[in-house]
Amino acid sequence: MSVVVLTNDDGIHAPGLAALEKALGELGDVYVVAPEREQSTCGHALTLHRPLRPHRLAERRFAVNGTPADCVNLAVLGFLPAPPVLIVSGINHGANLGDDVTYSGTIAAAMEGTILGVPSIAVSLLDGGDFDVAGRVARLIAMRVLVSGLPPRTLLNVNVPAQPPLGIRLARLGHRVYLDKIVEQADPRGRSHYWIGGGDPRWDAVEGTDMGAVHEGFVSLTPLHLDLTNHRALVQLDDWSAGLTAQLRGETARPPRRAPAATPTRKPRRG
């Protein structure tokens, strides 16, 4: 059977990962390769300066002392008996909507799989939702990906609403802003320290966005492309190249400026 890899950023013991494993268990030889502890908001970090140590918890379950992207690297680049045909990351505890995708370890795992040429899906569940429902959604989308594939360098970001979903809606990323992100507190000695991430997010339920879809009770399905180039901006900024090149050549044609000579210091007289 084909190898399917599951991972997450909430850690190997997270209930969302267990629900995903249960839902996708019959899609192939399912391996779980996940961080040994929570790695939420770790982004696309890779561990390069210490060894990774997978710890076998069961026949096909491994806890790794690394990030979600580390786990995907191990799974794809030879740690498993065969290369995976699909990677599914999740089910994340909480949404990954709009600009959250730039922080999310859940999304980063799917990005790493996509970079390595494996079709990949990231699945998240809004707070208060049912993991079994999210697992059934993940299974439907995973089966479609296994049959139809995905466009090149493209992954799927799936967000399941808290209430039973009315359907599945293709949507673009919205814009999600957190206000009051820094919370200042004082320790027992009166010294200030700070927490990042305080306050509720603010967003507009704009039609066609992932946030609008889940707000209306739908599963949002957003294809994400690894090419971050703003192609419209390439056209808008086209005249920058000639002007900046002329300025650069002017700068490099000038003789380098010499640093001012240091003023000698007098040595103190000895008495």
C-alpha atoms as a PDB file:
ATOM      1  CA  MET A   1       0.000   0.000   0.000  1.00  0.00           C
ATOM      2  CA  SER A   2       1.005   3.645  -0.449  1.00  0.00           C
ATOM      3  CA  VAL A   3       2.592   5.546   2.425  1.00  0.00           C
ATOM      4  CA  VAL A   4       0.639   8.471   3.907  1.00  0.00           C
ATOM      5  CA  VAL A   5       2.363  10.696   6.482  1.00  0.00           C
ATOM      6  CA  LEU A   6       0.578  12.603   9.232  1.00  0.00           C
ATOM      7  CA  THR A   7       2.178  15.339  11.311  1.00  0.00           C
ATOM      8  CA  ASN A   8       1.204  18.462  13.250  1.00  0.00           C
ATOM      9  CA  ASP A   9       2.535  21.324  15.364  1.00  0.00           C
ATOM     10  CA  ASP A  10       0.548  20.546  18.537  1.00  0.00           C
ATOM     11  CA  GLY A  11       2.678  17.532  19.387  1.00  0.00           C
ATOM     12  CA  ILE A  12       2.496  13.763  19.076  1.00  0.00           C
ATOM     13  CA  HIS A  13      -0.127  13.381  21.834  1.00  0.00           C
ATOM     14  CA  ALA A  14      -2.593  15.992  20.529  1.00  0.00           C
ATOM     15  CA  PRO A  15      -6.212  14.800  20.139  1.00  0.00           C
ATOM     16  CA  GLY A  16      -6.419  16.471  16.720  1.00  0.00           C
ATOM     17  CA  LEU A  17      -3.634  14.237  15.427  1.00  0.00           C
ATOM     18  CA  ALA A  18      -5.344  11.158  16.871  1.00  0.00           C
ATOM     19  CA  ALA A  19      -8.597  12.125  15.135  1.00  0.00           C
ATOM     20  CA  LEU A  20      -6.736  12.574  11.839  1.00  0.00           C
ATOM     21  CA  GLU A  21      -5.058   9.195  12.221  1.00  0.00           C
ATOM     22  CA  LYS A  22      -8.434   7.565  12.856  1.00  0.00           C
ATOM     23  CA  ALA A  23     -10.068   9.262   9.866  1.00  0.00           C
ATOM     24  CA  LEU A  24      -7.291   8.528   7.356  1.00  0.00           C
ATOM     25  CA  GLY A  25      -6.290   5.104   8.642  1.00  0.00           C
ATOM     26  CA  GLU A  26      -7.600   3.220   5.603  1.00  0.00           C
ATOM     27  CA  LEU A  27      -6.042   5.431   2.909  1.00  0.00           C
ATOM     28  CA  GLY A  28      -2.727   3.548   2.933  1.00  0.00           C
ATOM     29  CA  ASP A  29       0.134   2.696   5.251  1.00  0.00           C
ATOM     30  CA  VAL A  30      -0.335   5.645   7.582  1.00  0.00           C
ATOM     31  CA  TYR A  31       2.730   6.824   9.505  1.00  0.00           C
ATOM     32  CA  VAL A  32       2.634   9.475  12.196  1.00  0.00           C
ATOM     33  CA  VAL A  33       5.847  11.512  12.437  1.00  0.00           C
ATOM     34  CA  ALA A  34       5.213  14.456  14.737  1.00  0.00           C
ATOM     35  CA  PRO A  35       7.046  16.729  17.207  1.00  0.00           C
ATOM     36  CA  GLU A  36       7.499  15.304  20.685  1.00  0.00           C
ATOM     37  CA  ARG A  37       6.155  18.563  22.159  1.00  0.00           C
ATOM     38  CA  GLU A  38       4.059  21.508  21.047  1.00  0.00           C
ATOM     39  CA  GLN A  39       5.576  23.641  18.284  1.00  0.00           C
ATOM     40  CA  SER A  40       2.728  26.089  17.630  1.00  0.00           C
ATOM     41  CA  THR A  41       3.647  29.245  15.643  1.00  0.00           C
ATOM     42  CA  CYS A  42       7.147  27.897  14.983  1.00  0.00           C
ATOM     43  CA  GLY A  43       6.728  28.711  11.302  1.00  0.00           C
ATOM     44  CA  HIS A  44       8.956  27.006   8.762  1.00  0.00           C
ATOM     45  CA  ALA A  45      11.911  26.427  11.078  1.00  0.00           C
ATOM     46  CA  LEU A  46      14.392  23.620  10.408  1.00  0.00           C
ATOM     47  CA  THR A  47      16.805  22.162  12.961  1.00  0.00           C
ATOM     48  CA  LEU A  48      20.323  22.319  11.517  1.00  0.00           C
ATOM     49  CA  HIS A  49      22.648  22.543  14.530  1.00  0.00           C
ATOM     50  CA  ARG A  50      21.751  19.452  16.554  1.00  0.00           C
ATOM     51  CA  PRO A  51      20.751  15.882  15.664  1.00  0.00           C
ATOM     52  CA  LEU A  52      17.143  14.798  15.294  1.00  0.00           C
ATOM     53  CA  ARG A  53      16.149  11.723  17.294  1.00  0.00           C
ATOM     54  CA  PRO A  54      12.928   9.925  16.310  1.00  0.00           C
ATOM     55  CA  HIS A  55      11.481   7.939  19.207  1.00  0.00           C
ATOM     56  CA  ARG A  56       9.263   5.013  18.205  1.00  0.00           C
ATOM     57  CA  LEU A  57       6.032   4.997  20.216  1.00  0.00           C
ATOM     58  CA  ALA A  58       4.289   2.308  18.158  1.00  0.00           C
ATOM     59  CA  GLU A  59       4.869   0.449  14.897  1.00  0.00           C
ATOM     60  CA  ARG A  60       4.100   3.503  12.755  1.00  0.00           C
ATOM     61  CA  ARG A  61       4.186   6.350  15.306  1.00  0.00           C
ATOM     62  CA  PHE A  62       7.314   8.430  15.888  1.00  0.00           C
ATOM     63  CA  ALA A  63       7.941  11.412  18.149  1.00  0.00           C
ATOM     64  CA  VAL A  64      10.726  13.714  16.952  1.00  0.00           C
ATOM     65  CA  ASN A  65      12.709  16.296  18.925  1.00  0.00           C
ATOM     66  CA  GLY A  66      12.210  18.878  16.215  1.00  0.00           C
ATOM     67  CA  THR A  67       9.784  21.047  14.285  1.00  0.00           C
ATOM     68  CA  PRO A  68       6.947  20.027  11.950  1.00  0.00           C
ATOM     69  CA  ALA A  69       9.161  20.793   8.944  1.00  0.00           C
ATOM     70  CA  ASP A  70      11.877  18.561  10.451  1.00  0.00           C
ATOM     71  CA  CYS A  71       9.361  15.729  10.728  1.00  0.00           C
ATOM     72  CA  VAL A  72       8.391  16.076   7.060  1.00  0.00           C
ATOM     73  CA  ASN A  73      12.044  16.086   5.996  1.00  0.00           C
ATOM     74  CA  LEU A  74      12.667  12.842   7.873  1.00  0.00           C
ATOM     75  CA  ALA A  75       9.549  11.245   6.432  1.00  0.00           C
ATOM     76  CA  VAL A  76      10.231  12.209   2.817  1.00  0.00           C
ATOM     77  CA  LEU A  77      14.014  11.911   2.580  1.00  0.00           C
ATOM     78  CA  GLY A  78      14.441   8.265   3.551  1.00  0.00           C
ATOM     79  CA  PHE A  79      13.462   7.627   7.174  1.00  0.00           C
ATOM     80  CA  LEU A  80      10.375   5.623   6.160  1.00  0.00           C
ATOM     81  CA  PRO A  81      10.358   2.404   4.109  1.00  0.00           C
ATOM     82  CA  ALA A  82       8.956   4.216   1.039  1.00  0.00           C
ATOM     83  CA  PRO A  83       8.418   7.833  -0.029  1.00  0.00           C
ATOM     84  CA  PRO A  84       4.968   9.135   0.922  1.00  0.00           C
ATOM     85  CA  VAL A  85       2.295   9.850  -1.665  1.00  0.00           C
ATOM     86  CA  LEU A  86       0.491  12.307   0.621  1.00  0.00           C
ATOM     87  CA  ILE A  87       1.240  14.439   3.677  1.00  0.00           C
ATOM     88  CA  VAL A  88      -1.539  15.721   5.925  1.00  0.00           C
ATOM     89  CA  SER A  89      -0.745  18.159   8.736  1.00  0.00           C
ATOM     90  CA  GLY A  90      -3.176  18.692  11.617  1.00  0.00           C
ATOM     91  CA  ILE A  91      -5.801  18.674  12.850  1.00  0.00           C
ATOM     92  CA  ASN A  92      -4.652  21.952  14.354  1.00  0.00           C
ATOM     93  CA  HIS A  93      -6.266  23.197  17.565  1.00  0.00           C
ATOM     94  CA  GLY A  94      -7.533  26.539  16.308  1.00  0.00           C
ATOM     95  CA  ALA A  95      -7.875  28.260  12.953  1.00  0.00           C
ATOM     96  CA  ASN A  96      -5.115  29.084  10.497  1.00  0.00           C
ATOM     97  CA  LEU A  97      -6.811  31.828   8.512  1.00  0.00           C
ATOM     98  CA  GLY A  98      -5.520  34.750   6.491  1.00  0.00           C
ATOM     99  CA  ASP A  99      -2.114  35.991   7.569  1.00  0.00           C
ATOM    100  CA  ASP A 100      -1.866  33.267  10.235  1.00  0.00           C
ATOM    101  CA  VAL A 101      -0.420  30.996   7.544  1.00  0.00           C
ATOM    102  CA  THR A 102       2.903  32.865   7.805  1.00  0.00           C
ATOM    103  CA  TYR A 103       3.320  31.802  11.459  1.00  0.00           C
ATOM    104  CA  SER A 104       1.770  28.366  11.485  1.00  0.00           C
ATOM    105  CA  GLY A 105       3.806  25.215  11.994  1.00  0.00           C
ATOM    106  CA  THR A 106       0.819  23.269  10.647  1.00  0.00           C
ATOM    107  CA  ILE A 107       1.030  25.123   7.335  1.00  0.00           C
ATOM    108  CA  ALA A 108       4.829  24.936   7.330  1.00  0.00           C
ATOM    109  CA  ALA A 109       4.736  21.139   7.435  1.00  0.00           C
ATOM    110  CA  ALA A 110       2.528  21.110   4.328  1.00  0.00           C
ATOM    111  CA  MET A 111       4.798  23.693   2.686  1.00  0.00           C
ATOM    112  CA  GLU A 112       7.838  21.504   3.333  1.00  0.00           C
ATOM    113  CA  GLY A 113       6.083  18.522   1.823  1.00  0.00           C
ATOM    114  CA  THR A 114       5.192  20.584  -1.244  1.00  0.00           C
ATOM    115  CA  ILE A 115       8.795  21.777  -1.608  1.00  0.00           C
ATOM    116  CA  LEU A 116       9.889  18.140  -1.535  1.00  0.00           C
ATOM    117  CA  GLY A 117       7.383  17.222  -4.241  1.00  0.00           C
ATOM    118  CA  VAL A 118       4.692  15.480  -2.162  1.00  0.00           C
ATOM    119  CA  PRO A 119       1.009  16.566  -2.355  1.00  0.00           C
ATOM    120  CA  SER A 120       0.254  18.129   1.025  1.00  0.00           C
ATOM    121  CA  ILE A 121      -2.748  19.336   3.020  1.00  0.00           C
ATOM    122  CA  ALA A 122      -2.980  21.391   6.227  1.00  0.00           C
ATOM    123  CA  VAL A 123      -6.165  20.994   8.295  1.00  0.00           C
ATOM    124  CA  SER A 124      -7.265  23.266  11.162  1.00  0.00           C
ATOM    125  CA  LEU A 125     -10.367  23.378  13.347  1.00  0.00           C
ATOM    126  CA  LEU A 126     -11.833  26.508  14.882  1.00  0.00           C
ATOM    127  CA  ASP A 127     -12.077  26.565  18.672  1.00  0.00           C
ATOM    128  CA  GLY A 128     -15.049  24.602  19.966  1.00  0.00           C
ATOM    129  CA  GLY A 129     -15.355  22.396  16.902  1.00  0.00           C
ATOM    130  CA  ASP A 130     -15.613  18.618  16.669  1.00  0.00           C
ATOM    131  CA  PHE A 131     -12.406  16.773  15.727  1.00  0.00           C
ATOM    132  CA  ASP A 132     -14.361  13.824  14.321  1.00  0.00           C
ATOM    133  CA  VAL A 133     -16.194  16.156  11.934  1.00  0.00           C
ATOM    134  CA  ALA A 134     -12.888  17.754  10.918  1.00  0.00           C
ATOM    135  CA  GLY A 135     -11.450  14.278  10.386  1.00  0.00           C
ATOM    136  CA  ARG A 136     -14.256  13.399   7.978  1.00  0.00           C
ATOM    137  CA  VAL A 137     -13.636  16.620   6.067  1.00  0.00           C
ATOM    138  CA  ALA A 138      -9.905  15.823   5.913  1.00  0.00           C
ATOM    139  CA  ARG A 139     -10.671  12.340   4.588  1.00  0.00           C
ATOM    140  CA  LEU A 140     -12.869  13.659   1.772  1.00  0.00           C
ATOM    141  CA  ILE A 141     -10.252  16.163   0.653  1.00  0.00           C
ATOM    142  CA  ALA A 142      -7.377  13.689   1.016  1.00  0.00           C
ATOM    143  CA  MET A 143      -9.181  11.143  -1.157  1.00  0.00           C
ATOM    144  CA  ARG A 144      -9.776  13.779  -3.828  1.00  0.00           C
ATOM    145  CA  VAL A 145      -6.092  14.769  -3.779  1.00  0.00           C
ATOM    146  CA  LEU A 146      -4.979  11.136  -4.059  1.00  0.00           C
ATOM    147  CA  VAL A 147      -7.199  10.690  -7.122  1.00  0.00           C
ATOM    148  CA  SER A 148      -6.792  14.067  -8.850  1.00  0.00           C
ATOM    149  CA  GLY A 149      -3.482  15.406  -7.554  1.00  0.00           C
ATOM    150  CA  LEU A 150      -2.678  19.088  -7.043  1.00  0.00           C
ATOM    151  CA  PRO A 151      -1.255  21.810  -9.277  1.00  0.00           C
ATOM    152  CA  PRO A 152       2.549  22.153  -9.134  1.00  0.00           C
ATOM    153  CA  ARG A 153       4.009  23.747  -5.963  1.00  0.00           C
ATOM    154  CA  THR A 154       0.539  24.090  -4.470  1.00  0.00           C
ATOM    155  CA  LEU A 155      -0.763  22.938  -1.080  1.00  0.00           C
ATOM    156  CA  LEU A 156      -4.244  23.066   0.420  1.00  0.00           C
ATOM    157  CA  ASN A 157      -5.128  24.983   3.568  1.00  0.00           C
ATOM    158  CA  VAL A 158      -8.358  23.697   5.129  1.00  0.00           C
ATOM    159  CA  ASN A 159     -10.237  25.375   7.988  1.00  0.00           C
ATOM    160  CA  VAL A 160     -13.273  23.681   9.541  1.00  0.00           C
ATOM    161  CA  PRO A 161     -15.837  25.845  11.378  1.00  0.00           C
ATOM    162  CA  ALA A 162     -16.899  25.171  14.966  1.00  0.00           C
ATOM    163  CA  GLN A 163     -20.471  24.278  13.975  1.00  0.00           C
ATOM    164  CA  PRO A 164     -21.384  21.390  11.639  1.00  0.00           C
ATOM    165  CA  PRO A 165     -20.282  22.709   8.220  1.00  0.00           C
ATOM    166  CA  LEU A 166     -22.822  23.677   5.583  1.00  0.00           C
ATOM    167  CA  GLY A 167     -20.431  22.692   2.809  1.00  0.00           C
ATOM    168  CA  ILE A 168     -16.928  23.219   1.463  1.00  0.00           C
ATOM    169  CA  ARG A 169     -16.097  26.519  -0.203  1.00  0.00           C
ATOM    170  CA  LEU A 170     -13.009  27.454  -2.212  1.00  0.00           C
ATOM    171  CA  ALA A 171     -11.691  30.762  -0.864  1.00  0.00           C
ATOM    172  CA  ARG A 172      -8.711  33.095  -1.001  1.00  0.00           C
ATOM    173  CA  LEU A 173      -6.727  34.194   2.035  1.00  0.00           C
ATOM    174  CA  GLY A 174      -8.169  37.083   3.990  1.00  0.00           C
ATOM    175  CA  HIS A 175      -6.342  39.677   6.050  1.00  0.00           C
ATOM    176  CA  ARG A 176      -6.219  38.954   9.769  1.00  0.00           C
ATOM    177  CA  VAL A 177      -4.823  41.533  12.207  1.00  0.00           C
ATOM    178  CA  TYR A 178      -4.183  41.114  15.919  1.00  0.00           C
ATOM    179  CA  LEU A 179      -4.591  44.180  18.089  1.00  0.00           C
ATOM    180  CA  ASP A 180      -2.968  44.607  21.514  1.00  0.00           C
ATOM    181  CA  LYS A 181      -0.464  41.923  20.579  1.00  0.00           C
ATOM    182  CA  ILE A 182       1.914  42.673  23.467  1.00  0.00           C
ATOM    183  CA  VAL A 183       0.834  42.263  27.091  1.00  0.00           C
ATOM    184  CA  GLU A 184       3.133  43.862  29.655  1.00  0.00           C
ATOM    185  CA  GLN A 185       3.356  42.421  33.157  1.00  0.00           C
ATOM    186  CA  ALA A 186       5.663  42.791  36.140  1.00  0.00           C
ATOM    187  CA  ASP A 187       7.504  40.018  37.952  1.00  0.00           C
ATOM    188  CA  PRO A 188       7.655  39.859  41.781  1.00  0.00           C
ATOM    189  CA  ARG A 189      10.678  42.179  41.726  1.00  0.00           C
ATOM    190  CA  GLY A 190       8.887  44.798  39.644  1.00  0.00           C
ATOM    191  CA  ARG A 191      10.745  44.110  36.405  1.00  0.00           C
ATOM    192  CA  SER A 192       8.716  44.256  33.208  1.00  0.00           C
ATOM    193  CA  HIS A 193       8.206  41.262  30.955  1.00  0.00           C
ATOM    194  CA  TYR A 194       6.021  40.826  27.878  1.00  0.00           C
ATOM    195  CA  TRP A 195       3.725  38.257  26.299  1.00  0.00           C
ATOM    196  CA  ILE A 196       3.229  38.298  22.539  1.00  0.00           C
ATOM    197  CA  GLY A 197      -0.182  37.317  21.206  1.00  0.00           C
ATOM    198  CA  GLY A 198      -2.600  39.014  23.565  1.00  0.00           C
ATOM    199  CA  GLY A 199      -5.922  40.355  22.315  1.00  0.00           C
ATOM    200  CA  ASP A 200      -8.488  39.051  19.895  1.00  0.00           C
ATOM    201  CA  PRO A 201      -7.931  39.171  16.126  1.00  0.00           C
ATOM    202  CA  ARG A 202      -9.775  41.684  13.985  1.00  0.00           C
ATOM    203  CA  TRP A 203     -10.877  40.774  10.496  1.00  0.00           C
ATOM    204  CA  ASP A 204     -13.449  41.652   7.919  1.00  0.00           C
ATOM    205  CA  ALA A 205     -15.655  38.811   6.701  1.00  0.00           C
ATOM    206  CA  VAL A 206     -15.030  39.806   3.095  1.00  0.00           C
ATOM    207  CA  GLU A 207     -16.858  37.789   0.491  1.00  0.00           C
ATOM    208  CA  GLY A 208     -14.647  35.178  -1.116  1.00  0.00           C
ATOM    209  CA  THR A 209     -12.119  34.935   1.751  1.00  0.00           C
ATOM    210  CA  ASP A 210     -11.372  31.995   4.018  1.00  0.00           C
ATOM    211  CA  MET A 211     -12.513  33.992   7.052  1.00  0.00           C
ATOM    212  CA  GLY A 212     -15.771  34.879   5.354  1.00  0.00           C
ATOM    213  CA  ALA A 213     -16.377  31.209   4.533  1.00  0.00           C
ATOM    214  CA  VAL A 214     -15.927  29.889   8.079  1.00  0.00           C
ATOM    215  CA  HIS A 215     -17.878  32.845   9.484  1.00  0.00           C
ATOM    216  CA  GLU A 216     -20.818  31.724   7.340  1.00  0.00           C
ATOM    217  CA  GLY A 217     -20.476  28.110   8.484  1.00  0.00           C
ATOM    218  CA  PHE A 218     -18.519  26.613   5.563  1.00  0.00           C
ATOM    219  CA  VAL A 219     -15.232  24.757   5.415  1.00  0.00           C
ATOM    220  CA  SER A 220     -12.705  27.020   3.705  1.00  0.00           C
ATOM    221  CA  LEU A 221     -10.442  25.358   1.142  1.00  0.00           C
ATOM    222  CA  THR A 222      -7.583  27.602   0.048  1.00  0.00           C
ATOM    223  CA  PRO A 223      -4.881  26.592  -2.447  1.00  0.00           C
ATOM    224  CA  LEU A 224      -1.572  28.161  -1.438  1.00  0.00           C
ATOM    225  CA  HIS A 225       1.269  28.610  -3.914  1.00  0.00           C
ATOM    226  CA  LEU A 226       4.916  28.590  -2.901  1.00  0.00           C
ATOM    227  CA  ASP A 227       5.771  31.322  -5.400  1.00  0.00           C
ATOM    228  CA  LEU A 228       5.494  34.435  -3.196  1.00  0.00           C
ATOM    229  CA  THR A 229       6.301  36.773  -6.079  1.00  0.00           C
ATOM    230  CA  ASN A 230       3.859  39.655  -6.469  1.00  0.00           C
ATOM    231  CA  HIS A 231       3.592  39.462 -10.253  1.00  0.00           C
ATOM    232  CA  ARG A 232       1.395  42.569 -10.478  1.00  0.00           C
ATOM    233  CA  ALA A 233       4.042  44.521  -8.562  1.00  0.00           C
ATOM    234  CA  LEU A 234       6.688  43.364 -11.056  1.00  0.00           C
ATOM    235  CA  VAL A 235       4.777  45.285 -13.707  1.00  0.00           C
ATOM    236  CA  GLN A 236       4.063  48.300 -11.484  1.00  0.00           C
ATOM    237  CA  LEU A 237       7.716  48.626 -10.438  1.00  0.00           C
ATOM    238  CA  ASP A 238       9.153  47.954 -13.881  1.00  0.00           C
ATOM    239  CA  ASP A 239      10.729  51.418 -14.200  1.00  0.00           C
ATOM    240  CA  TRP A 240      12.654  51.001 -10.933  1.00  0.00           C
ATOM    241  CA  SER A 241      15.288  48.778 -12.516  1.00  0.00           C
ATOM    242  CA  ALA A 242      16.788  51.339 -14.913  1.00  0.00           C
ATOM    243  CA  GLY A 243      16.776  54.160 -12.357  1.00  0.00           C
ATOM    244  CA  LEU A 244      18.310  52.093  -9.551  1.00  0.00           C
ATOM    245  CA  THR A 245      20.930  50.658 -11.936  1.00  0.00           C
ATOM    246  CA  ALA A 246      22.006  54.174 -12.983  1.00  0.00           C
ATOM    247  CA  GLN A 247      22.257  55.231  -9.335  1.00  0.00           C
ATOM    248  CA  LEU A 248      24.238  52.121  -8.443  1.00  0.00           C
ATOM    249  CA  ARG A 249      26.714  52.717 -11.264  1.00  0.00           C
ATOM    250  CA  GLY A 250      27.095  56.319 -10.131  1.00  0.00           C
ATOM    251  CA  GLU A 251      27.838  55.197  -6.601  1.00  0.00           C
ATOM    252  CA  THR A 252      30.381  52.591  -7.651  1.00  0.00           C
ATOM    253  CA  ALA A 253      32.150  55.041 -10.001  1.00  0.00           C
ATOM    254  CA  ARG A 254      33.007  57.389  -7.132  1.00  0.00           C
ATOM    255  CA  PRO A 255      36.298  56.864  -5.331  1.00  0.00           C
ATOM    256  CA  PRO A 256      35.797  55.293  -1.927  1.00  0.00           C
ATOM    257  CA  ARG A 257      35.697  57.683   0.959  1.00  0.00           C
ATOM    258  CA  ARG A 258      38.654  57.506   3.273  1.00  0.00           C
ATOM    259  CA  ALA A 259      38.070  57.237   6.947  1.00  0.00           C
ATOM    260  CA  PRO A 260      39.361  60.262   8.898  1.00  0.00           C
ATOM    261  CA  ALA A 261      42.775  59.748  10.406  1.00  0.00           C
ATOM    262  CA  ALA A 262      42.703  58.855  14.049  1.00  0.00           C
ATOM    263  CA  THR A 263      43.978  61.552  16.415  1.00  0.00           C
ATOM    264  CA  PRO A 264      46.985  60.225  18.323  1.00  0.00           C
ATOM    265  CA  THR A 265      46.512  60.019  22.019  1.00  0.00           C
ATOM    266  CA  ARG A 266      49.179  61.216  24.393  1.00  0.00           C
ATOM    267  CA  LYS A 267      50.583  58.778  26.821  1.00  0.00           C
ATOM    268  CA  PRO A 268      50.385  59.964  30.416  1.00  0.00           C
ATOM    269  CA  ARG A 269      53.702  61.003  31.898  1.00  0.00           C
ATOM    270  CA  ARG A 270      55.109  58.866  34.609  1.00  0.00           C
ATOM    271  CA  GLY A 271      55.852  60.650  37.843  1.00  0.00           C
END
